Amino acid sequence: KMLDPLADKILIGTVVYILVLKYIDVYTAWVVIILELIIIVAALIKHNRGDHHLQANSWGKIKMILQVLGVIVLLLSIIFNIEHLLPISKGTFYLAIVFGILSLFTYSI
C-alpha cells in the first residue's frame, strides 16, 4: 500500500534530479525533491502513529499530475529543441510545488 506512492516519488525524484536540475534550475529541482522527502516522512509518521489507511488526497493527485505534465513539457522542449516550452515546464513545476505544500498540510502532522 505504501510502495506505490513511494515508487511515484522515486520516479519523480530521479527525473527531477536528472532533467530539471540540468534544464530548468537547481532551486526548483531541490524544492521538488525536498518536498517529496517531507511528504514521505509525514506519511511514515502517520503510519507509525497507527494510521494505516493513508491515501493520496486530491492535492497530492493534482501535484503528481502537474509533475508528470512538467516532465512531459520539459521532454518535448528537449527532444524538439523548443526553448519557449522551458518556462511552461518550470511554471508547471511551481504549481506542483504549491499543490505539494497543500497536500502536506492535509496530512495534519
Protein backbone atom coordinates (compact mmCIF):
# COMPACT_ATOMS: atom_id res chain seq x y z
CA LYS A 1 0.00 0.00 0.00
CA MET A 2 2.88 2.37 0.70
CA LEU A 3 5.10 1.12 -2.13
CA ASP A 4 3.10 2.66 -5.00
CA PRO A 5 3.31 6.25 -3.70
CA LEU A 6 6.95 5.66 -2.79
CA ALA A 7 7.65 4.44 -6.33
CA ASP A 8 5.98 7.59 -7.71
CA LYS A 9 8.20 9.75 -5.53
CA ILE A 10 11.35 7.86 -6.52
CA LEU A 11 10.42 8.20 -10.20
CA ILE A 12 9.72 11.92 -9.96
CA GLY A 13 12.78 12.48 -7.77
CA THR A 14 15.03 10.76 -10.30
CA VAL A 15 13.58 12.65 -13.27
CA VAL A 16 13.80 15.94 -11.40
CA TYR A 17 17.39 15.25 -10.42
CA ILE A 18 18.42 14.39 -13.97
CA LEU A 19 16.34 16.78 -16.09
CA VAL A 20 15.09 19.70 -14.02
CA LEU A 21 18.48 20.22 -12.42
CA LYS A 22 20.10 20.40 -15.86
CA TYR A 23 17.47 22.24 -17.92
CA ILE A 24 15.48 24.40 -15.51
CA ASP A 25 17.34 25.36 -12.32
CA VAL A 26 18.86 23.94 -9.19
CA TYR A 27 16.39 25.65 -6.84
CA THR A 28 13.28 24.22 -8.47
CA ALA A 29 14.86 20.76 -8.53
CA TRP A 30 15.81 20.85 -4.86
CA VAL A 31 12.46 22.23 -3.73
CA VAL A 32 10.62 19.43 -5.57
CA ILE A 33 12.95 16.76 -4.16
CA ILE A 34 12.87 18.12 -0.59
CA LEU A 35 9.08 18.45 -0.71
CA GLU A 36 8.76 14.82 -1.82
CA LEU A 37 11.02 13.73 1.03
CA ILE A 38 8.98 15.74 3.55
CA ILE A 39 5.77 14.13 2.27
CA ILE A 40 7.34 10.67 2.64
CA VAL A 41 8.39 11.46 6.22
CA ALA A 42 4.91 12.83 7.01
CA ALA A 43 3.30 9.65 5.68
CA LEU A 44 5.69 7.49 7.70
CA ILE A 45 4.92 9.47 10.86
CA LYS A 46 1.18 8.99 10.34
CA HIS A 47 1.74 5.31 9.62
CA ASN A 48 3.79 4.89 12.81
CA ARG A 49 1.04 6.63 14.78
CA GLY A 50 -1.34 3.91 13.70
CA ASP A 51 -2.97 5.49 10.65
CA HIS A 52 -2.62 2.62 8.19
CA HIS A 53 -5.20 3.99 5.75
CA LEU A 54 -3.02 6.55 4.02
CA GLN A 55 -4.38 7.57 0.66
CA ALA A 56 -3.37 10.26 -1.76
CA ASN A 57 -5.55 13.30 -1.26
CA SER A 58 -6.83 15.48 -4.09
CA TRP A 59 -3.98 17.96 -3.65
CA GLY A 60 -1.42 15.18 -3.91
CA LYS A 61 -3.05 13.77 -7.02
CA ILE A 62 -3.05 17.19 -8.68
CA LYS A 63 0.60 17.63 -7.65
CA MET A 64 1.53 14.33 -9.29
CA ILE A 65 -0.37 15.19 -12.48
CA LEU A 66 1.38 18.58 -12.65
CA GLN A 67 4.78 16.98 -12.07
CA VAL A 68 4.19 14.47 -14.87
CA LEU A 69 2.92 17.27 -17.13
CA GLY A 70 6.01 19.34 -16.28
CA VAL A 71 8.24 16.41 -17.21
CA ILE A 72 6.37 15.84 -20.49
CA VAL A 73 6.64 19.51 -21.47
CA LEU A 74 10.33 19.51 -20.50
CA LEU A 75 10.98 16.39 -22.58
CA LEU A 76 9.16 17.92 -25.57
CA SER A 77 11.29 21.02 -25.19
CA ILE A 78 14.49 18.97 -25.11
CA ILE A 79 13.59 16.50 -27.87
CA PHE A 80 12.24 19.06 -30.33
CA ASN A 81 14.53 21.91 -29.24
CA ILE A 82 11.61 24.23 -28.40
CA GLU A 83 13.08 26.61 -25.83
CA HIS A 84 9.87 28.55 -25.18
CA LEU A 85 8.45 25.40 -23.56
CA LEU A 86 11.02 25.60 -20.74
CA PRO A 87 9.20 28.41 -18.86
CA ILE A 88 5.93 26.48 -19.23
CA SER A 89 7.56 23.40 -17.72
CA LYS A 90 9.06 25.49 -14.93
CA GLY A 91 5.68 27.09 -14.19
CA THR A 92 4.08 23.66 -14.09
CA PHE A 93 6.65 22.53 -11.52
CA TYR A 94 5.98 25.69 -9.48
CA LEU A 95 2.27 24.85 -9.47
CA ALA A 96 3.13 21.29 -8.46
CA ILE A 97 5.13 22.68 -5.53
CA VAL A 98 2.11 24.72 -4.39
CA PHE A 99 -0.15 21.67 -4.55
CA GLY A 100 2.50 19.60 -2.79
CA ILE A 101 2.53 22.07 0.09
CA LEU A 102 -1.28 21.96 0.23
CA SER A 103 -1.09 18.17 0.24
CA LEU A 104 1.38 18.24 3.10
CA PHE A 105 -0.89 20.44 5.21
CA THR A 106 -3.70 17.92 4.85
CA TYR A 107 -1.53 15.24 6.46
CA SER A 108 -2.08 17.14 9.75
CA ILE A 109 1.09 16.02 11.46
